[in-house]
mmCIF file of all heavy atoms, coordinates in Angstrom:
data_MODEL
# 
_entry.id   MODEL 
# 
loop_
_atom_site.group_PDB 
_atom_site.id 
_atom_site.type_symbol 
_atom_site.label_atom_id 
_atom_site.label_alt_id 
_atom_site.label_comp_id 
_atom_site.label_asym_id 
_atom_site.label_entity_id 
_atom_site.label_seq_id 
_atom_site.pdbx_PDB_ins_code 
_atom_site.Cartn_x 
_atom_site.Cartn_y 
_atom_site.Cartn_z 
_atom_site.occupancy 
_atom_site.B_iso_or_equiv 
_atom_site.pdbx_formal_charge 
_atom_site.auth_seq_id 
_atom_site.auth_comp_id 
_atom_site.auth_asym_id 
_atom_site.auth_atom_id 
_atom_site.pdbx_PDB_model_num 
ATOM 1   N N   . ASP A 1 1  ? -3.055  -6.537  -1.226 1.00 0.00 ? 1  ASP A N   1 
ATOM 2   C CA  . ASP A 1 1  ? -2.795  -7.356  -2.408 1.00 0.00 ? 1  ASP A CA  1 
ATOM 3   C C   . ASP A 1 1  ? -1.744  -8.371  -2.001 1.00 0.00 ? 1  ASP A C   1 
ATOM 4   O O   . ASP A 1 1  ? -0.548  -8.053  -1.923 1.00 0.00 ? 1  ASP A O   1 
ATOM 5   C CB  . ASP A 1 1  ? -2.292  -6.465  -3.556 1.00 0.00 ? 1  ASP A CB  1 
ATOM 6   C CG  . ASP A 1 1  ? -1.819  -7.299  -4.766 1.00 0.00 ? 1  ASP A CG  1 
ATOM 7   O OD1 . ASP A 1 1  ? -2.070  -8.527  -4.805 1.00 0.00 ? 1  ASP A OD1 1 
ATOM 8   O OD2 . ASP A 1 1  ? -1.184  -6.718  -5.666 1.00 0.00 ? 1  ASP A OD2 1 
ATOM 9   N N   . LEU A 1 2  ? -2.175  -9.588  -1.703 1.00 0.00 ? 2  LEU A N   1 
ATOM 10  C CA  . LEU A 1 2  ? -1.258  -10.659 -1.293 1.00 0.00 ? 2  LEU A CA  1 
ATOM 11  C C   . LEU A 1 2  ? -0.808  -11.366 -2.568 1.00 0.00 ? 2  LEU A C   1 
ATOM 12  O O   . LEU A 1 2  ? -1.430  -12.312 -3.024 1.00 0.00 ? 2  LEU A O   1 
ATOM 13  C CB  . LEU A 1 2  ? -1.949  -11.608 -0.340 1.00 0.00 ? 2  LEU A CB  1 
ATOM 14  C CG  . LEU A 1 2  ? -1.111  -12.782 0.228  1.00 0.00 ? 2  LEU A CG  1 
ATOM 15  C CD1 . LEU A 1 2  ? 0.070   -12.265 1.025  1.00 0.00 ? 2  LEU A CD1 1 
ATOM 16  C CD2 . LEU A 1 2  ? -1.970  -13.702 1.064  1.00 0.00 ? 2  LEU A CD2 1 
ATOM 17  N N   . GLY A 1 3  ? 0.295   -10.908 -3.115 1.00 0.00 ? 3  GLY A N   1 
ATOM 18  C CA  . GLY A 1 3  ? 0.742   -11.392 -4.412 1.00 0.00 ? 3  GLY A CA  1 
ATOM 19  C C   . GLY A 1 3  ? 1.658   -12.604 -4.344 1.00 0.00 ? 3  GLY A C   1 
ATOM 20  O O   . GLY A 1 3  ? 2.229   -12.890 -3.287 1.00 0.00 ? 3  GLY A O   1 
ATOM 21  N N   . THR A 1 4  ? 1.819   -13.270 -5.464 1.00 0.00 ? 4  THR A N   1 
ATOM 22  C CA  . THR A 1 4  ? 2.717   -14.419 -5.529 1.00 0.00 ? 4  THR A CA  1 
ATOM 23  C C   . THR A 1 4  ? 4.160   -13.990 -5.366 1.00 0.00 ? 4  THR A C   1 
ATOM 24  O O   . THR A 1 4  ? 4.940   -14.644 -4.663 1.00 0.00 ? 4  THR A O   1 
ATOM 25  C CB  . THR A 1 4  ? 2.561   -15.152 -6.875 1.00 0.00 ? 4  THR A CB  1 
ATOM 26  O OG1 . THR A 1 4  ? 1.192   -15.444 -7.086 1.00 0.00 ? 4  THR A OG1 1 
ATOM 27  C CG2 . THR A 1 4  ? 3.371   -16.450 -6.882 1.00 0.00 ? 4  THR A CG2 1 
ATOM 28  N N   . THR A 1 5  ? 4.534   -12.890 -5.982 1.00 0.00 ? 5  THR A N   1 
ATOM 29  C CA  . THR A 1 5  ? 5.911   -12.419 -5.928 1.00 0.00 ? 5  THR A CA  1 
ATOM 30  C C   . THR A 1 5  ? 6.055   -11.140 -5.109 1.00 0.00 ? 5  THR A C   1 
ATOM 31  O O   . THR A 1 5  ? 7.064   -10.968 -4.419 1.00 0.00 ? 5  THR A O   1 
ATOM 32  C CB  . THR A 1 5  ? 6.466   -12.170 -7.339 1.00 0.00 ? 5  THR A CB  1 
ATOM 33  O OG1 . THR A 1 5  ? 5.554   -11.339 -8.064 1.00 0.00 ? 5  THR A OG1 1 
ATOM 34  C CG2 . THR A 1 5  ? 6.631   -13.488 -8.089 1.00 0.00 ? 5  THR A CG2 1 
ATOM 35  N N   . TYR A 1 6  ? 5.079   -10.237 -5.194 1.00 0.00 ? 6  TYR A N   1 
ATOM 36  C CA  . TYR A 1 6  ? 5.114   -8.987  -4.432 1.00 0.00 ? 6  TYR A CA  1 
ATOM 37  C C   . TYR A 1 6  ? 3.744   -8.705  -3.828 1.00 0.00 ? 6  TYR A C   1 
ATOM 38  O O   . TYR A 1 6  ? 2.706   -9.047  -4.428 1.00 0.00 ? 6  TYR A O   1 
ATOM 39  C CB  . TYR A 1 6  ? 5.519   -7.811  -5.325 1.00 0.00 ? 6  TYR A CB  1 
ATOM 40  C CG  . TYR A 1 6  ? 6.974   -7.834  -5.740 1.00 0.00 ? 6  TYR A CG  1 
ATOM 41  C CD1 . TYR A 1 6  ? 7.370   -8.464  -6.924 1.00 0.00 ? 6  TYR A CD1 1 
ATOM 42  C CD2 . TYR A 1 6  ? 7.964   -7.246  -4.956 1.00 0.00 ? 6  TYR A CD2 1 
ATOM 43  C CE1 . TYR A 1 6  ? 8.706   -8.520  -7.291 1.00 0.00 ? 6  TYR A CE1 1 
ATOM 44  C CE2 . TYR A 1 6  ? 9.291   -7.286  -5.319 1.00 0.00 ? 6  TYR A CE2 1 
ATOM 45  C CZ  . TYR A 1 6  ? 9.660   -7.915  -6.506 1.00 0.00 ? 6  TYR A CZ  1 
ATOM 46  O OH  . TYR A 1 6  ? 10.987  -7.969  -6.873 1.00 0.00 ? 6  TYR A OH  1 
ATOM 47  N N   . SER A 1 7  ? 3.746   -8.072  -2.670 1.00 0.00 ? 7  SER A N   1 
ATOM 48  C CA  . SER A 1 7  ? 2.511   -7.690  -1.984 1.00 0.00 ? 7  SER A CA  1 
ATOM 49  C C   . SER A 1 7  ? 2.527   -6.197  -1.693 1.00 0.00 ? 7  SER A C   1 
ATOM 50  O O   . SER A 1 7  ? 3.586   -5.561  -1.668 1.00 0.00 ? 7  SER A O   1 
ATOM 51  C CB  . SER A 1 7  ? 2.350   -8.463  -0.675 1.00 0.00 ? 7  SER A CB  1 
ATOM 52  O OG  . SER A 1 7  ? 2.241   -9.847  -0.923 1.00 0.00 ? 7  SER A OG  1 
ATOM 53  N N   . ALA A 1 8  ? 1.332   -5.654  -1.460 1.00 0.00 ? 8  ALA A N   1 
ATOM 54  C CA  . ALA A 1 8  ? 1.216   -4.230  -1.181 1.00 0.00 ? 8  ALA A CA  1 
ATOM 55  C C   . ALA A 1 8  ? -0.013  -3.975  -0.304 1.00 0.00 ? 8  ALA A C   1 
ATOM 56  O O   . ALA A 1 8  ? -0.952  -4.763  -0.275 1.00 0.00 ? 8  ALA A O   1 
ATOM 57  C CB  . ALA A 1 8  ? 1.099   -3.429  -2.483 1.00 0.00 ? 8  ALA A CB  1 
ATOM 58  N N   . VAL A 1 9  ? 0.042   -2.846  0.421  1.00 0.00 ? 9  VAL A N   1 
ATOM 59  C CA  . VAL A 1 9  ? -1.044  -2.457  1.332  1.00 0.00 ? 9  VAL A CA  1 
ATOM 60  C C   . VAL A 1 9  ? -1.483  -1.034  0.973  1.00 0.00 ? 9  VAL A C   1 
ATOM 61  O O   . VAL A 1 9  ? -0.652  -0.158  0.698  1.00 0.00 ? 9  VAL A O   1 
ATOM 62  C CB  . VAL A 1 9  ? -0.587  -2.502  2.788  1.00 0.00 ? 9  VAL A CB  1 
ATOM 63  C CG1 . VAL A 1 9  ? -1.733  -2.092  3.725  1.00 0.00 ? 9  VAL A CG1 1 
ATOM 64  C CG2 . VAL A 1 9  ? -0.082  -3.875  3.157  1.00 0.00 ? 9  VAL A CG2 1 
ATOM 65  N N   . SER A 1 10 ? -2.783  -0.818  0.986  1.00 0.00 ? 10 SER A N   1 
ATOM 66  C CA  . SER A 1 10 ? -3.319  0.504   0.640  1.00 0.00 ? 10 SER A CA  1 
ATOM 67  C C   . SER A 1 10 ? -4.452  0.871   1.604  1.00 0.00 ? 10 SER A C   1 
ATOM 68  O O   . SER A 1 10 ? -5.087  0.004   2.210  1.00 0.00 ? 10 SER A O   1 
ATOM 69  C CB  . SER A 1 10 ? -3.850  0.499   -0.795 1.00 0.00 ? 10 SER A CB  1 
ATOM 70  O OG  . SER A 1 10 ? -4.322  1.772   -1.190 1.00 0.00 ? 10 SER A OG  1 
ATOM 71  N N   . ILE A 1 11 ? -4.695  2.171   1.738  1.00 0.00 ? 11 ILE A N   1 
ATOM 72  C CA  . ILE A 1 11 ? -5.832  2.665   2.507  1.00 0.00 ? 11 ILE A CA  1 
ATOM 73  C C   . ILE A 1 11 ? -6.508  3.766   1.698  1.00 0.00 ? 11 ILE A C   1 
ATOM 74  O O   . ILE A 1 11 ? -5.943  4.312   0.725  1.00 0.00 ? 11 ILE A O   1 
ATOM 75  C CB  . ILE A 1 11 ? -5.425  3.271   3.872  1.00 0.00 ? 11 ILE A CB  1 
ATOM 76  C CG1 . ILE A 1 11 ? -4.458  4.452   3.662  1.00 0.00 ? 11 ILE A CG1 1 
ATOM 77  C CG2 . ILE A 1 11 ? -4.831  2.225   4.769  1.00 0.00 ? 11 ILE A CG2 1 
ATOM 78  C CD1 . ILE A 1 11 ? -4.320  5.351   4.860  1.00 0.00 ? 11 ILE A CD1 1 
ATOM 79  N N   . LEU A 1 12 ? -7.703  4.106   2.086  1.00 0.00 ? 12 LEU A N   1 
ATOM 80  C CA  . LEU A 1 12 ? -8.411  5.240   1.511  1.00 0.00 ? 12 LEU A CA  1 
ATOM 81  C C   . LEU A 1 12 ? -8.116  6.454   2.380  1.00 0.00 ? 12 LEU A C   1 
ATOM 82  O O   . LEU A 1 12 ? -8.358  6.424   3.598  1.00 0.00 ? 12 LEU A O   1 
ATOM 83  C CB  . LEU A 1 12 ? -9.914  4.965   1.447  1.00 0.00 ? 12 LEU A CB  1 
ATOM 84  C CG  . LEU A 1 12 ? -10.674 5.526   0.234  1.00 0.00 ? 12 LEU A CG  1 
ATOM 85  C CD1 . LEU A 1 12 ? -10.108 4.929   -1.036 1.00 0.00 ? 12 LEU A CD1 1 
ATOM 86  C CD2 . LEU A 1 12 ? -12.144 5.200   0.340  1.00 0.00 ? 12 LEU A CD2 1 
ATOM 87  N N   . SER A 1 13 ? -7.607  7.504   1.790  1.00 0.00 ? 13 SER A N   1 
ATOM 88  C CA  . SER A 1 13 ? -7.221  8.692   2.550  1.00 0.00 ? 13 SER A CA  1 
ATOM 89  C C   . SER A 1 13 ? -8.444  9.512   2.939  1.00 0.00 ? 13 SER A C   1 
ATOM 90  O O   . SER A 1 13 ? -9.562  9.240   2.514  1.00 0.00 ? 13 SER A O   1 
ATOM 91  C CB  . SER A 1 13 ? -6.266  9.556   1.729  1.00 0.00 ? 13 SER A CB  1 
ATOM 92  O OG  . SER A 1 13 ? -6.956  10.123  0.627  1.00 0.00 ? 13 SER A OG  1 
ATOM 93  N N   . GLU A 1 14 ? -8.203  10.567  3.730  1.00 0.00 ? 14 GLU A N   1 
ATOM 94  C CA  . GLU A 1 14 ? -9.287  11.436  4.164  1.00 0.00 ? 14 GLU A CA  1 
ATOM 95  C C   . GLU A 1 14 ? -9.970  12.139  2.996  1.00 0.00 ? 14 GLU A C   1 
ATOM 96  O O   . GLU A 1 14 ? -11.111 12.573  3.095  1.00 0.00 ? 14 GLU A O   1 
ATOM 97  C CB  . GLU A 1 14 ? -8.771  12.484  5.163  1.00 0.00 ? 14 GLU A CB  1 
ATOM 98  C CG  . GLU A 1 14 ? -8.565  11.962  6.578  1.00 0.00 ? 14 GLU A CG  1 
ATOM 99  C CD  . GLU A 1 14 ? -7.286  11.135  6.708  1.00 0.00 ? 14 GLU A CD  1 
ATOM 100 O OE1 . GLU A 1 14 ? -6.523  11.018  5.735  1.00 0.00 ? 14 GLU A OE1 1 
ATOM 101 O OE2 . GLU A 1 14 ? -7.066  10.574  7.808  1.00 0.00 ? 14 GLU A OE2 1 
ATOM 102 N N   . THR A 1 15 ? -9.251  12.243  1.862  1.00 0.00 ? 15 THR A N   1 
ATOM 103 C CA  . THR A 1 15 ? -9.820  12.899  0.685  1.00 0.00 ? 15 THR A CA  1 
ATOM 104 C C   . THR A 1 15 ? -10.596 11.906  -0.179 1.00 0.00 ? 15 THR A C   1 
ATOM 105 O O   . THR A 1 15 ? -11.150 12.297  -1.208 1.00 0.00 ? 15 THR A O   1 
ATOM 106 C CB  . THR A 1 15 ? -8.719  13.554  -0.149 1.00 0.00 ? 15 THR A CB  1 
ATOM 107 O OG1 . THR A 1 15 ? -7.800  12.546  -0.600 1.00 0.00 ? 15 THR A OG1 1 
ATOM 108 C CG2 . THR A 1 15 ? -7.959  14.595  0.678  1.00 0.00 ? 15 THR A CG2 1 
ATOM 109 N N   . GLY A 1 16 ? -10.594 10.642  0.226  1.00 0.00 ? 16 GLY A N   1 
ATOM 110 C CA  . GLY A 1 16 ? -11.314 9.630   -0.555 1.00 0.00 ? 16 GLY A CA  1 
ATOM 111 C C   . GLY A 1 16 ? -10.480 9.014   -1.654 1.00 0.00 ? 16 GLY A C   1 
ATOM 112 O O   . GLY A 1 16 ? -11.020 8.259   -2.472 1.00 0.00 ? 16 GLY A O   1 
ATOM 113 N N   . GLN A 1 17 ? -9.154  9.264   -1.666 1.00 0.00 ? 17 GLN A N   1 
ATOM 114 C CA  . GLN A 1 17 ? -8.280  8.677   -2.664 1.00 0.00 ? 17 GLN A CA  1 
ATOM 115 C C   . GLN A 1 17 ? -7.447  7.568   -2.059 1.00 0.00 ? 17 GLN A C   1 
ATOM 116 O O   . GLN A 1 17 ? -6.917  7.716   -0.957 1.00 0.00 ? 17 GLN A O   1 
ATOM 117 C CB  . GLN A 1 17 ? -7.369  9.749   -3.273 1.00 0.00 ? 17 GLN A CB  1 
ATOM 118 C CG  . GLN A 1 17 ? -8.103  10.822  -4.061 1.00 0.00 ? 17 GLN A CG  1 
ATOM 119 C CD  . GLN A 1 17 ? -8.860  10.240  -5.238 1.00 0.00 ? 17 GLN A CD  1 
ATOM 120 O OE1 . GLN A 1 17 ? -8.332  9.440   -6.008 1.00 0.00 ? 17 GLN A OE1 1 
ATOM 121 N NE2 . GLN A 1 17 ? -10.118 10.643  -5.367 1.00 0.00 ? 17 GLN A NE2 1 
ATOM 122 N N   . PRO A 1 18 ? -7.321  6.437   -2.744 1.00 0.00 ? 18 PRO A N   1 
ATOM 123 C CA  . PRO A 1 18 ? -6.471  5.360   -2.217 1.00 0.00 ? 18 PRO A CA  1 
ATOM 124 C C   . PRO A 1 18 ? -5.005  5.695   -2.312 1.00 0.00 ? 18 PRO A C   1 
ATOM 125 O O   . PRO A 1 18 ? -4.547  6.279   -3.305 1.00 0.00 ? 18 PRO A O   1 
ATOM 126 C CB  . PRO A 1 18 ? -6.833  4.170   -3.098 1.00 0.00 ? 18 PRO A CB  1 
ATOM 127 C CG  . PRO A 1 18 ? -7.353  4.752   -4.363 1.00 0.00 ? 18 PRO A CG  1 
ATOM 128 C CD  . PRO A 1 18 ? -7.975  6.065   -4.013 1.00 0.00 ? 18 PRO A CD  1 
ATOM 129 N N   . ILE A 1 19 ? -4.256  5.340   -1.289 1.00 0.00 ? 19 ILE A N   1 
ATOM 130 C CA  . ILE A 1 19 ? -2.799  5.556   -1.298 1.00 0.00 ? 19 ILE A CA  1 
ATOM 131 C C   . ILE A 1 19 ? -2.094  4.263   -0.838 1.00 0.00 ? 19 ILE A C   1 
ATOM 132 O O   . ILE A 1 19 ? -2.592  3.564   0.034  1.00 0.00 ? 19 ILE A O   1 
ATOM 133 C CB  . ILE A 1 19 ? -2.367  6.729   -0.401 1.00 0.00 ? 19 ILE A CB  1 
ATOM 134 C CG1 . ILE A 1 19 ? -2.869  6.529   1.041  1.00 0.00 ? 19 ILE A CG1 1 
ATOM 135 C CG2 . ILE A 1 19 ? -2.855  8.063   -0.944 1.00 0.00 ? 19 ILE A CG2 1 
ATOM 136 C CD1 . ILE A 1 19 ? -2.316  7.571   2.016  1.00 0.00 ? 19 ILE A CD1 1 
ATOM 137 N N   . ILE A 1 20 ? -0.977  3.974   -1.461 1.00 0.00 ? 20 ILE A N   1 
ATOM 138 C CA  . ILE A 1 20 ? -0.176  2.804   -1.087 1.00 0.00 ? 20 ILE A CA  1 
ATOM 139 C C   . ILE A 1 20 ? 0.683   3.181   0.112  1.00 0.00 ? 20 ILE A C   1 
ATOM 140 O O   . ILE A 1 20 ? 1.365   4.214   0.129  1.00 0.00 ? 20 ILE A O   1 
ATOM 141 C CB  . ILE A 1 20 ? 0.728   2.355   -2.249 1.00 0.00 ? 20 ILE A CB  1 
ATOM 142 C CG1 . ILE A 1 20 ? -0.121  1.990   -3.470 1.00 0.00 ? 20 ILE A CG1 1 
ATOM 143 C CG2 . ILE A 1 20 ? 1.592   1.178   -1.824 1.00 0.00 ? 20 ILE A CG2 1 
ATOM 144 C CD1 . ILE A 1 20 ? -0.914  0.728   -3.342 1.00 0.00 ? 20 ILE A CD1 1 
ATOM 145 N N   . LEU A 1 21 ? 0.680   2.340   1.128  1.00 0.00 ? 21 LEU A N   1 
ATOM 146 C CA  . LEU A 1 21 ? 1.499   2.575   2.324  1.00 0.00 ? 21 LEU A CA  1 
ATOM 147 C C   . LEU A 1 21 ? 2.903   2.019   2.131  1.00 0.00 ? 21 LEU A C   1 
ATOM 148 O O   . LEU A 1 21 ? 3.061   0.919   1.586  1.00 0.00 ? 21 LEU A O   1 
ATOM 149 C CB  . LEU A 1 21 ? 0.857   1.923   3.543  1.00 0.00 ? 21 LEU A CB  1 
ATOM 150 C CG  . LEU A 1 21 ? -0.538  2.422   3.943  1.00 0.00 ? 21 LEU A CG  1 
ATOM 151 C CD1 . LEU A 1 21 ? -1.050  1.625   5.144  1.00 0.00 ? 21 LEU A CD1 1 
ATOM 152 C CD2 . LEU A 1 21 ? -0.540  3.915   4.237  1.00 0.00 ? 21 LEU A CD2 1 
ATOM 153 N N   . GLU A 1 22 ? 3.884   2.756   2.587  1.00 0.00 ? 22 GLU A N   1 
ATOM 154 C CA  . GLU A 1 22 ? 5.257   2.254   2.534  1.00 0.00 ? 22 GLU A CA  1 
ATOM 155 C C   . GLU A 1 22 ? 5.476   1.235   3.633  1.00 0.00 ? 22 GLU A C   1 
ATOM 156 O O   . GLU A 1 22 ? 4.918   1.352   4.732  1.00 0.00 ? 22 GLU A O   1 
ATOM 157 C CB  . GLU A 1 22 ? 6.251   3.410   2.666  1.00 0.00 ? 22 GLU A CB  1 
ATOM 158 C CG  . GLU A 1 22 ? 6.255   4.346   1.460  1.00 0.00 ? 22 GLU A CG  1 
ATOM 159 C CD  . GLU A 1 22 ? 7.336   5.393   1.555  1.00 0.00 ? 22 GLU A CD  1 
ATOM 160 O OE1 . GLU A 1 22 ? 7.973   5.513   2.629  1.00 0.00 ? 22 GLU A OE1 1 
ATOM 161 O OE2 . GLU A 1 22 ? 7.567   6.098   0.555  1.00 0.00 ? 22 GLU A OE2 1 
ATOM 162 N N   . ASN A 1 23 ? 6.285   0.217   3.342  1.00 0.00 ? 23 ASN A N   1 
ATOM 163 C CA  . ASN A 1 23 ? 6.600   -0.794  4.355  1.00 0.00 ? 23 ASN A CA  1 
ATOM 164 C C   . ASN A 1 23 ? 7.753   -0.328  5.246  1.00 0.00 ? 23 ASN A C   1 
ATOM 165 O O   . ASN A 1 23 ? 8.207   0.807   5.160  1.00 0.00 ? 23 ASN A O   1 
ATOM 166 C CB  . ASN A 1 23 ? 6.900   -2.130  3.687  1.00 0.00 ? 23 ASN A CB  1 
ATOM 167 C CG  . ASN A 1 23 ? 8.125   -2.071  2.762  1.00 0.00 ? 23 ASN A CG  1 
ATOM 168 O OD1 . ASN A 1 23 ? 8.964   -1.183  2.856  1.00 0.00 ? 23 ASN A OD1 1 
ATOM 169 N ND2 . ASN A 1 23 ? 8.223   -3.028  1.854  1.00 0.00 ? 23 ASN A ND2 1 
ATOM 170 N N   . GLN A 1 24 ? 8.231   -1.222  6.102  1.00 0.00 ? 24 GLN A N   1 
ATOM 171 C CA  . GLN A 1 24 ? 9.285   -0.876  7.051  1.00 0.00 ? 24 GLN A CA  1 
ATOM 172 C C   . GLN A 1 24 ? 10.596  -0.496  6.351  1.00 0.00 ? 24 GLN A C   1 
ATOM 173 O O   . GLN A 1 24 ? 11.448  0.169   6.964  1.00 0.00 ? 24 GLN A O   1 
ATOM 174 C CB  . GLN A 1 24 ? 9.523   -2.051  8.009  1.00 0.00 ? 24 GLN A CB  1 
ATOM 175 C CG  . GLN A 1 24 ? 8.365   -2.359  8.946  1.00 0.00 ? 24 GLN A CG  1 
ATOM 176 C CD  . GLN A 1 24 ? 7.363   -3.365  8.367  1.00 0.00 ? 24 GLN A CD  1 
ATOM 177 O OE1 . GLN A 1 24 ? 7.133   -3.395  7.158  1.00 0.00 ? 24 GLN A OE1 1 
ATOM 178 N NE2 . GLN A 1 24 ? 6.810   -4.198  9.217  1.00 0.00 ? 24 GLN A NE2 1 
ATOM 179 N N   . ASP A 1 25 ? 10.762  -0.914  5.093  1.00 0.00 ? 25 ASP A N   1 
ATOM 180 C CA  . ASP A 1 25 ? 11.981  -0.591  4.345  1.00 0.00 ? 25 ASP A CA  1 
ATOM 181 C C   . ASP A 1 25 ? 11.826  0.675   3.501  1.00 0.00 ? 25 ASP A C   1 
ATOM 182 O O   . ASP A 1 25 ? 12.737  1.044   2.745  1.00 0.00 ? 25 ASP A O   1 
ATOM 183 C CB  . ASP A 1 25 ? 12.352  -1.759  3.427  1.00 0.00 ? 25 ASP A CB  1 
ATOM 184 C CG  . ASP A 1 25 ? 12.609  -3.036  4.214  1.00 0.00 ? 25 ASP A CG  1 
ATOM 185 O OD1 . ASP A 1 25 ? 13.335  -2.986  5.210  1.00 0.00 ? 25 ASP A OD1 1 
ATOM 186 O OD2 . ASP A 1 25 ? 12.049  -4.081  3.834  1.00 0.00 ? 25 ASP A OD2 1 
ATOM 187 N N   . GLY A 1 26 ? 10.652  1.319   3.615  1.00 0.00 ? 26 GLY A N   1 
ATOM 188 C CA  . GLY A 1 26 ? 10.422  2.532   2.835  1.00 0.00 ? 26 GLY A CA  1 
ATOM 189 C C   . GLY A 1 26 ? 9.963   2.261   1.417  1.00 0.00 ? 26 GLY A C   1 
ATOM 190 O O   . GLY A 1 26 ? 9.978   3.186   0.572  1.00 0.00 ? 26 GLY A O   1 
ATOM 191 N N   . ASP A 1 27 ? 9.575   1.020   1.106  1.00 0.00 ? 27 ASP A N   1 
ATOM 192 C CA  . ASP A 1 27 ? 9.155   0.652   -0.240 1.00 0.00 ? 27 ASP A CA  1 
ATOM 193 C C   . ASP A 1 27 ? 7.641   0.437   -0.283 1.00 0.00 ? 27 ASP A C   1 
ATOM 194 O O   . ASP A 1 27 ? 7.022   0.058   0.726  1.00 0.00 ? 27 ASP A O   1 
ATOM 195 C CB  . ASP A 1 27 ? 9.858   -0.637  -0.688 1.00 0.00 ? 27 ASP A CB  1 
ATOM 196 C CG  . ASP A 1 27 ? 11.362  -0.466  -0.734 1.00 0.00 ? 27 ASP A CG  1 
ATOM 197 O OD1 . ASP A 1 27 ? 11.830  0.604   -1.151 1.00 0.00 ? 27 ASP A OD1 1 
ATOM 198 O OD2 . ASP A 1 27 ? 12.065  -1.433  -0.344 1.00 0.00 ? 27 ASP A OD2 1 
ATOM 199 N N   . LYS A 1 28 ? 7.054   0.601   -1.441 1.00 0.00 ? 28 LYS A N   1 
ATOM 200 C CA  . LYS A 1 28 ? 5.618   0.393   -1.606 1.00 0.00 ? 28 LYS A CA  1 
ATOM 201 C C   . LYS A 1 28 ? 5.292   -1.083  -1.874 1.00 0.00 ? 28 LYS A C   1 
ATOM 202 O O   . LYS A 1 28 ? 4.179   -1.528  -1.602 1.00 0.00 ? 28 LYS A O   1 
ATOM 203 C CB  . LYS A 1 28 ? 5.077   1.259   -2.750 1.00 0.00 ? 28 LYS A CB  1 
ATOM 204 C CG  . LYS A 1 28 ? 5.080   2.742   -2.413 1.00 0.00 ? 28 LYS A CG  1 
ATOM 205 C CD  . LYS A 1 28 ? 4.435   3.556   -3.545 1.00 0.00 ? 28 LYS A CD  1 
ATOM 206 C CE  . LYS A 1 28 ? 4.365   5.019   -3.180 1.00 0.00 ? 28 LYS A CE  1 
ATOM 207 N NZ  . LYS A 1 28 ? 3.731   5.823   -4.255 1.00 0.00 ? 28 LYS A NZ  1 
# 
């Protein structure tokens, strides 16, 4: 999600559920 003010990255886990990945600062 390349946002105007904030962005985020997600993947689909092995269980088939999407999870938000933490960035280098430990934030989502």
